[in-house]
Amino acid sequence: MSTAPHPGAPAAPGAAAARRGAPATASRPASHPSKATDRALPIEARGLVKRYGEIIAVDHVDLTVEAGDVYGFLGPNGAGKTTTLRMLLGLIRPSEGSVRLFGRDPIADGIQALEGVAGFVEAPRFYPYLTGQKNLELLAAYDGGGAATRIEEALETVGLTARRRHRVGGYSHGMKQRLGIAAALIRRPRLLLLDEPATGLDPGGMRDMRALVRRLADEGMTVLLSSHLLTEVEELCNRVAIVRAGAVVHEGMLIDLLAAAAGGYRLETTDDEVALGLARAHAGVSDADTGPGGLTLRAEREAVAELTLELAAHGVGLHALTPSRPGLEELFLRLTESP
C-alpha cells in the first residue's frame, strides 16, 4: 500500500513505513522544479513503461486526464493499474516515458509535483492504536498549511464524525476506506487518485462510496478511479482507459465507447428458424444467432429495415424488434479477453 506523500514531512500513517510502526525518512527535496500552471492537465502520461527484468508490467501507456473528469482506469487484476498509479505519484521510477501532474514531473520535481494531489494506492493504512481523529491530526501536522483546520470538515464529508474518537483498529474495512479519503481531503486536493476504493465493501458500502465520489466530483474535484468494478465505473465516470497486459486498449469518452459498440438487435418472430436463415443470408447482417429470447444480430439500421420486409414476404411475423446496447461489462470483456 502507498499513499501520496505529504509535502515537507516524513511518510505518514498510510505510507509503507506505517507497516513497521514508525515514520520513514523525509522525501528528497525537489531539484529544478518545473512550473505548474492552472491550465496544465491534471494528468498527462506519455509512453509509460515499467520493466522488472524481462517482465513488462506497463507497456507504453498514454493517459490524459482533464480538469473535472471522473476518469475510470479499468483492467483485470494484474493488468498493470497499480504499477501505473505508483508511477503517476512518483512512488516508483518509470523505465521509460514521462508523467506530468498539473505540468510537474513527480520524479524531477519530487514532492512539489504533488501539490494539489492526494489519494491512495492499494489501500489506506493507519496506526490502529490511534483514533481516526488522531491519525488525521498526525497527517495534518506533517502537511501544515492549515490542514488541521480541515479535519472536522473531512470527517463530516466521509460520514465518520460519530466514530472520530474510536480507535482505527476497530473500524470496518469500509470505514478505513472512507478515512483514507478523509486523509486525502485535508490536503484540499484538486486531483484525487483512488485505487479500488470499493473493493471488499458490502453493497451498502459500495453505494456509499459511489455517492461520496460523485459528491466530490460534483464539487469540481478531478478524480482518477482505478477499478475492476464495472458498475461503479459506468455510474461514475465520463472518460475511461481500459488496460490489458499492461497496455491501453481503449481511451476516451465512455459514451463514445458505448455508442461505437451499438448496432445489435433482438428479434422475436413467429418462426425463428426461418428468420435465422434469412438473416444469415442477408448481406448487411452479421453475427446472427438464436437464443431463449429470439434472434440476436448485428446490422446497420437500413439492413434491419430490409430484413423485416423480407421476413414479411416469407410469411414470418414480427412480435418485437429491440436495439441491444451492450453495457460496459460486455465491452470490457471484449477488449480484455480477445486474443
Protein backbone atom coordinates (compact mmCIF):
# COMPACT_ATOMS: atom_id res chain seq x y z
CA MET A 1 0.00 0.00 0.00
CA SER A 2 1.14 3.53 -0.66
CA THR A 3 -0.30 6.99 -0.36
CA ALA A 4 0.67 10.22 -1.98
CA PRO A 5 3.48 11.67 0.16
CA HIS A 6 2.73 14.72 2.28
CA PRO A 7 4.89 17.71 1.37
CA GLY A 8 7.79 18.56 3.64
CA ALA A 9 7.29 15.66 6.03
CA PRO A 10 8.09 12.04 6.77
CA ALA A 11 5.83 9.33 5.43
CA ALA A 12 2.57 9.42 7.33
CA PRO A 13 0.48 6.52 8.59
CA GLY A 14 -0.80 5.02 5.41
CA ALA A 15 2.67 5.08 3.88
CA ALA A 16 4.72 1.92 3.66
CA ALA A 17 6.58 2.79 6.84
CA ALA A 18 3.36 2.55 8.84
CA ARG A 19 3.58 -1.22 8.50
CA ARG A 20 6.69 -1.09 10.63
CA GLY A 21 5.03 1.23 13.12
CA ALA A 22 7.39 4.16 12.53
CA PRO A 23 7.65 7.04 10.09
CA ALA A 24 10.08 6.83 7.20
CA THR A 25 12.63 9.47 6.26
CA ALA A 26 11.52 12.60 4.51
CA SER A 27 11.13 12.64 0.75
CA ARG A 28 14.07 14.15 -1.09
CA PRO A 29 13.70 17.84 -1.96
CA ALA A 30 12.85 18.76 -5.50
CA SER A 31 15.58 19.99 -7.79
CA HIS A 32 14.88 22.42 -10.61
CA PRO A 33 11.06 22.18 -10.29
CA SER A 34 9.11 22.81 -13.44
CA LYS A 35 6.41 25.43 -13.29
CA ALA A 36 2.82 24.28 -12.88
CA THR A 37 0.01 26.33 -14.35
CA ASP A 38 -3.71 26.47 -13.74
CA ARG A 39 -4.25 25.42 -17.36
CA ALA A 40 -1.98 22.37 -17.16
CA LEU A 41 -3.70 18.99 -17.35
CA PRO A 42 -4.20 17.20 -14.03
CA ILE A 43 -2.53 14.08 -15.51
CA GLU A 44 -0.58 13.73 -18.72
CA ALA A 45 1.35 10.47 -19.10
CA ARG A 46 3.17 9.55 -22.29
CA GLY A 47 4.83 6.28 -23.19
CA LEU A 48 4.98 4.93 -19.64
CA VAL A 49 6.90 1.65 -19.39
CA LYS A 50 7.83 -0.33 -16.29
CA ARG A 51 10.06 -3.38 -16.59
CA TYR A 52 11.06 -5.84 -13.89
CA GLY A 53 13.84 -7.78 -15.53
CA GLU A 54 12.27 -9.42 -18.57
CA ILE A 55 8.73 -8.79 -17.32
CA ILE A 56 6.93 -5.76 -18.78
CA ALA A 57 4.36 -4.68 -16.19
CA VAL A 58 3.35 -1.48 -18.01
CA ASP A 59 3.77 -1.21 -21.77
CA HIS A 60 3.85 2.30 -23.31
CA VAL A 61 0.76 3.68 -21.55
CA ASP A 62 -0.62 7.09 -22.54
CA LEU A 63 -3.18 8.76 -20.25
CA THR A 64 -4.79 12.19 -20.45
CA VAL A 65 -6.98 13.30 -17.54
CA GLU A 66 -8.65 16.68 -17.97
CA ALA A 67 -9.92 19.03 -15.28
CA GLY A 68 -13.31 17.92 -13.98
CA ASP A 69 -13.01 14.35 -15.26
CA VAL A 70 -14.11 11.33 -13.31
CA TYR A 71 -11.69 9.09 -15.13
CA GLY A 72 -12.07 5.32 -14.91
CA PHE A 73 -8.85 3.34 -15.14
CA LEU A 74 -10.04 -0.20 -15.86
CA GLY A 75 -8.43 -3.55 -16.23
CA PRO A 76 -8.43 -7.07 -14.82
CA ASN A 77 -6.27 -7.88 -11.83
CA GLY A 78 -2.63 -7.95 -12.86
CA ALA A 79 -3.13 -5.64 -15.84
CA GLY A 80 -0.72 -3.01 -14.51
CA LYS A 81 -3.14 -0.49 -12.98
CA THR A 82 -1.47 -0.22 -9.58
CA THR A 83 2.03 -0.05 -11.09
CA THR A 84 0.84 2.79 -13.33
CA LEU A 85 -0.62 4.67 -10.36
CA ARG A 86 2.66 4.30 -8.49
CA MET A 87 4.49 5.88 -11.41
CA LEU A 88 1.93 8.69 -11.63
CA LEU A 89 2.58 9.56 -7.99
CA GLY A 90 6.35 9.26 -8.27
CA LEU A 91 6.47 6.29 -5.90
CA ILE A 92 8.42 4.26 -8.47
CA ARG A 93 10.51 5.43 -11.41
CA PRO A 94 9.34 4.59 -14.95
CA SER A 95 11.68 2.55 -17.11
CA GLU A 96 10.62 4.82 -19.98
CA GLY A 97 8.17 7.65 -20.56
CA SER A 98 7.06 10.74 -18.69
CA VAL A 99 4.41 11.92 -16.24
CA ARG A 100 3.12 15.42 -15.59
CA LEU A 101 0.75 16.32 -12.75
CA PHE A 102 -0.53 19.84 -13.37
CA GLY A 103 2.56 20.33 -15.50
CA ARG A 104 5.06 18.99 -12.97
CA ASP A 105 7.19 15.85 -13.11
CA PRO A 106 6.92 13.77 -9.89
CA ILE A 107 10.40 12.33 -10.46
CA ALA A 108 12.28 15.53 -11.36
CA ASP A 109 10.25 17.85 -9.13
CA GLY A 110 9.75 15.48 -6.21
CA ILE A 111 7.24 16.39 -3.55
CA GLN A 112 6.41 19.74 -5.18
CA ALA A 113 4.74 17.86 -8.05
CA LEU A 114 2.17 16.55 -5.58
CA GLU A 115 0.83 19.96 -4.65
CA GLY A 116 -2.93 19.68 -5.08
CA VAL A 117 -2.74 15.88 -5.47
CA ALA A 118 -3.88 13.25 -2.97
CA GLY A 119 -5.17 9.69 -2.80
CA PHE A 120 -4.05 6.17 -2.05
CA VAL A 121 -2.68 3.15 -3.86
CA GLU A 122 -3.93 -0.36 -2.97
CA ALA A 123 -5.49 0.55 0.40
CA PRO A 124 -5.14 3.26 3.05
CA ARG A 125 -3.31 2.22 6.21
CA PHE A 126 -3.32 3.90 9.60
CA TYR A 127 -1.97 3.43 13.09
CA PRO A 128 -4.61 1.05 14.52
CA TYR A 129 -3.97 2.03 18.16
CA LEU A 130 -4.82 5.69 17.43
CA THR A 131 -8.28 7.12 16.85
CA GLY A 132 -9.40 8.30 13.46
CA GLN A 133 -9.13 11.87 14.75
CA LYS A 134 -5.54 11.36 15.98
CA ASN A 135 -4.47 9.73 12.73
CA LEU A 136 -5.73 12.73 10.80
CA GLU A 137 -4.12 15.15 13.25
CA LEU A 138 -0.79 13.42 12.69
CA LEU A 139 -1.19 13.70 8.93
CA ALA A 140 -2.23 17.34 9.25
CA ALA A 141 0.89 18.07 11.31
CA TYR A 142 3.00 16.61 8.51
CA ASP A 143 1.17 18.69 5.93
CA GLY A 144 0.91 22.01 7.70
CA GLY A 145 -0.65 24.87 5.80
CA GLY A 146 -3.93 24.82 7.71
CA ALA A 147 -4.61 21.11 7.13
CA ALA A 148 -5.62 20.67 10.79
CA THR A 149 -8.47 23.12 10.34
CA ARG A 150 -9.97 20.88 7.66
CA ILE A 151 -10.17 17.67 9.74
CA GLU A 152 -13.69 18.26 11.03
CA GLU A 153 -15.00 19.03 7.55
CA ALA A 154 -13.26 15.98 6.06
CA LEU A 155 -14.71 13.64 8.69
CA GLU A 156 -18.17 15.11 8.09
CA THR A 157 -17.79 14.65 4.33
CA VAL A 158 -16.99 10.93 4.64
CA GLY A 159 -19.54 10.30 7.39
CA LEU A 160 -17.14 9.44 10.21
CA THR A 161 -17.83 12.26 12.68
CA ALA A 162 -19.55 9.93 15.13
CA ARG A 163 -16.60 7.49 15.09
CA ARG A 164 -13.81 10.04 15.11
CA ARG A 165 -12.70 9.18 18.67
CA HIS A 166 -12.76 5.42 18.14
CA ARG A 167 -9.54 3.52 17.50
CA VAL A 168 -8.96 2.71 13.86
CA GLY A 169 -8.22 -0.91 14.80
CA GLY A 170 -11.94 -1.27 15.45
CA TYR A 171 -13.02 0.26 12.15
CA SER A 172 -14.63 -1.83 9.44
CA HIS A 173 -12.96 -2.10 6.05
CA GLY A 174 -15.37 0.44 4.59
CA MET A 175 -14.70 2.90 7.41
CA LYS A 176 -10.95 2.64 6.79
CA GLN A 177 -11.54 3.33 3.09
CA ARG A 178 -13.56 6.42 3.99
CA LEU A 179 -10.90 7.54 6.47
CA GLY A 180 -8.38 7.22 3.65
CA ILE A 181 -10.43 9.66 1.59
CA ALA A 182 -10.70 11.98 4.59
CA ALA A 183 -6.90 11.90 4.86
CA ALA A 184 -6.72 12.95 1.22
CA LEU A 185 -9.31 15.70 1.65
CA ILE A 186 -7.43 17.54 4.41
CA ARG A 187 -4.87 18.33 1.70
CA ARG A 188 -7.63 20.16 -0.24
CA PRO A 189 -6.71 18.34 -3.46
CA ARG A 190 -7.62 19.35 -6.99
CA LEU A 191 -6.82 15.80 -8.15
CA LEU A 192 -7.82 12.67 -6.23
CA LEU A 193 -6.40 9.25 -7.18
CA LEU A 194 -8.23 6.24 -5.74
CA ASP A 195 -7.10 2.65 -6.25
CA GLU A 196 -10.03 0.21 -5.98
CA PRO A 197 -11.82 2.24 -3.26
CA ALA A 198 -14.90 -0.03 -3.23
CA THR A 199 -13.08 -3.38 -3.21
CA GLY A 200 -14.11 -5.54 -0.29
CA LEU A 201 -17.13 -3.41 0.60
CA ASP A 202 -20.62 -4.80 1.06
CA PRO A 203 -23.38 -3.50 -1.25
CA GLY A 204 -24.29 -0.71 1.16
CA GLY A 205 -20.66 0.34 1.49
CA MET A 206 -20.21 0.34 -2.28
CA ARG A 207 -23.30 2.54 -2.65
CA ASP A 208 -21.97 4.97 -0.05
CA MET A 209 -18.54 5.08 -1.70
CA ARG A 210 -20.07 5.83 -5.10
CA ALA A 211 -22.18 8.59 -3.57
CA LEU A 212 -19.09 10.09 -1.92
CA VAL A 213 -17.03 10.07 -5.12
CA ARG A 214 -19.94 11.57 -7.06
CA ARG A 215 -20.33 14.32 -4.46
CA LEU A 216 -16.62 15.21 -4.66
CA ALA A 217 -16.76 15.26 -8.46
CA ASP A 218 -19.87 17.45 -8.42
CA GLU A 219 -17.94 19.91 -6.24
CA GLY A 220 -15.34 20.22 -9.01
CA MET A 221 -12.65 17.76 -7.99
CA THR A 222 -10.90 15.76 -10.71
CA VAL A 223 -10.91 12.05 -9.86
CA LEU A 224 -8.96 9.13 -11.29
CA LEU A 225 -10.67 5.92 -10.19
CA SER A 226 -8.80 2.65 -10.71
CA SER A 227 -11.24 -0.24 -10.57
CA HIS A 228 -12.37 -3.57 -11.95
CA LEU A 229 -15.92 -3.00 -10.64
CA LEU A 230 -17.63 -2.02 -13.86
CA THR A 231 -20.98 -0.96 -12.42
CA GLU A 232 -19.12 1.54 -10.26
CA VAL A 233 -17.27 2.96 -13.26
CA GLU A 234 -20.33 3.06 -15.52
CA GLU A 235 -22.26 5.04 -12.91
CA LEU A 236 -19.48 7.49 -12.06
CA CYS A 237 -17.08 8.05 -14.94
CA ASN A 238 -17.26 10.24 -18.02
CA ARG A 239 -13.96 9.03 -19.52
CA VAL A 240 -12.17 5.69 -19.32
CA ALA A 241 -8.96 3.92 -20.17
CA ILE A 242 -9.03 0.12 -20.41
CA VAL A 243 -5.77 -1.77 -19.97
CA ARG A 244 -4.85 -5.33 -20.83
CA ALA A 245 -1.48 -6.93 -20.07
CA GLY A 246 -0.01 -3.54 -19.23
CA ALA A 247 -1.15 -1.77 -22.43
CA VAL A 248 -4.06 0.61 -23.07
CA VAL A 249 -6.57 -0.95 -25.46
CA HIS A 250 -9.07 1.94 -25.31
CA GLU A 251 -9.04 5.50 -24.01
CA GLY A 252 -11.75 8.09 -24.48
CA MET A 253 -15.25 9.20 -23.56
CA LEU A 254 -17.33 6.42 -22.05
CA ILE A 255 -20.38 7.49 -24.05
CA ASP A 256 -18.39 7.20 -27.28
CA LEU A 257 -17.20 3.71 -26.37
CA LEU A 258 -20.76 2.56 -25.70
CA ALA A 259 -22.08 4.19 -28.88
CA ALA A 260 -19.36 2.65 -31.04
CA ALA A 261 -20.33 -0.80 -29.81
CA ALA A 262 -24.02 -0.30 -30.59
CA GLY A 263 -25.65 -1.93 -33.61
CA GLY A 264 -27.04 -5.05 -32.01
CA TYR A 265 -30.70 -6.07 -32.28
CA ARG A 266 -33.01 -8.67 -30.81
CA LEU A 267 -35.92 -10.05 -32.85
CA GLU A 268 -38.86 -12.11 -31.66
CA THR A 269 -40.65 -13.76 -34.59
CA THR A 270 -43.32 -16.34 -35.36
CA ASP A 271 -40.69 -18.64 -36.93
CA ASP A 272 -37.16 -18.13 -35.59
CA GLU A 273 -35.69 -20.94 -37.70
CA VAL A 274 -36.76 -19.34 -40.99
CA ALA A 275 -35.88 -15.88 -39.69
CA LEU A 276 -32.38 -17.05 -38.76
CA GLY A 277 -31.80 -18.42 -42.24
CA LEU A 278 -32.94 -15.20 -43.86
CA ALA A 279 -30.83 -13.09 -41.50
CA ARG A 280 -27.68 -15.11 -42.14
CA ALA A 281 -28.22 -14.86 -45.89
CA HIS A 282 -28.66 -11.09 -45.78
CA ALA A 283 -25.55 -9.19 -46.88
CA GLY A 284 -25.98 -6.42 -44.30
CA VAL A 285 -26.36 -8.70 -41.27
CA SER A 286 -23.57 -10.19 -39.19
CA ASP A 287 -23.36 -12.47 -36.13
CA ALA A 288 -26.95 -13.73 -36.35
CA ASP A 289 -27.88 -16.36 -33.78
CA THR A 290 -30.84 -17.67 -31.79
CA GLY A 291 -31.43 -17.93 -28.08
CA PRO A 292 -34.19 -18.18 -25.49
CA GLY A 293 -35.32 -14.62 -26.24
CA GLY A 294 -35.38 -14.93 -30.03
CA LEU A 295 -32.78 -13.85 -32.60
CA THR A 296 -29.77 -11.65 -31.94
CA LEU A 297 -27.86 -9.99 -34.75
CA ARG A 298 -25.62 -7.08 -35.63
CA ALA A 299 -26.54 -4.85 -38.54
CA GLU A 300 -26.94 -1.26 -39.69
CA ARG A 301 -30.42 0.23 -39.33
CA GLU A 302 -31.06 0.08 -43.10
CA ALA A 303 -30.20 -3.62 -43.20
CA VAL A 304 -32.60 -4.32 -40.33
CA ALA A 305 -35.40 -2.50 -42.16
CA GLU A 306 -34.74 -4.56 -45.29
CA LEU A 307 -34.72 -7.77 -43.24
CA THR A 308 -38.12 -7.04 -41.69
CA LEU A 309 -39.62 -6.62 -45.17
CA GLU A 310 -38.01 -9.88 -46.25
CA LEU A 311 -39.42 -11.67 -43.21
CA ALA A 312 -42.92 -10.42 -44.06
CA ALA A 313 -42.52 -11.57 -47.69
CA HIS A 314 -41.76 -15.09 -46.39
CA GLY A 315 -44.76 -15.09 -44.07
CA VAL A 316 -42.75 -14.63 -40.86
CA GLY A 317 -44.45 -12.36 -38.35
CA LEU A 318 -42.53 -9.98 -36.09
CA HIS A 319 -43.51 -9.87 -32.42
CA ALA A 320 -40.75 -7.48 -31.31
CA LEU A 321 -37.66 -5.71 -32.62
CA THR A 322 -35.48 -4.01 -30.00
CA PRO A 323 -32.00 -2.47 -30.23
CA SER A 324 -29.47 -4.06 -27.91
CA ARG A 325 -26.87 -1.74 -26.44
CA PRO A 326 -24.02 -3.59 -24.71
CA GLY A 327 -23.10 -2.47 -21.23
CA LEU A 328 -19.60 -1.67 -20.07
CA GLU A 329 -19.12 -5.21 -18.78
CA GLU A 330 -19.63 -6.75 -22.23
CA LEU A 331 -17.32 -4.21 -23.85
CA PHE A 332 -14.71 -4.69 -21.15
CA LEU A 333 -14.68 -8.43 -21.73
CA ARG A 334 -14.42 -7.96 -25.49
CA LEU A 335 -11.40 -5.68 -25.09
CA THR A 336 -9.58 -7.60 -22.35
CA GLU A 337 -10.26 -11.20 -23.34
CA SER A 338 -9.89 -11.02 -27.12
CA PRO A 339 -6.72 -12.65 -28.47
